[in-house]
């Protein structure tokens, strides 16, 4: 019997003045600042991986890559994706991924198509990306941070 499951993921990283450019969905986006993180700060991949972990009952990426662990320092988000997909292999298949990125700056709409393309390559399933601003408010993804929410649907042939 096939079972369908969904998971929700969320991630947020604050900006820091310690670098240039940000990485979202593995797309390098020019910006005057970068995101503060233990890894490369790709909030899109982090939110998706948490959604996948939720759908598959794997905990969250903090369980798999504890931020205080030396082995988690500077790990690439692409490596986190490979690890999570490896945990799913043979048990779960992706149905689709839906992502909402919230940021006031930089302007992300020009990078939306490239982000969709990268995510489709990484996950081999239908992907939808939405870009939202917070209308200048200092809520999630305001001028000080970028956040991402993701929903992932999977199917399993296991008797869960």
Foldseek 3Di string as FASTA:
>chain_A
DKDKFKFKFKDKFWWDQPDFFEAELNDTDTDNTYTDDQESPHQNLQGVLQGLCRRVVNHHVCVVQPSVDPVNGHDYSLVSLVVSVVVCPPFKAWAEKEKEKEAQDDDCVVCQVVSQVSVCVSRVYYYHYHYHYPVQDPDGRHHTMMMMMMMTMIMGPDDD
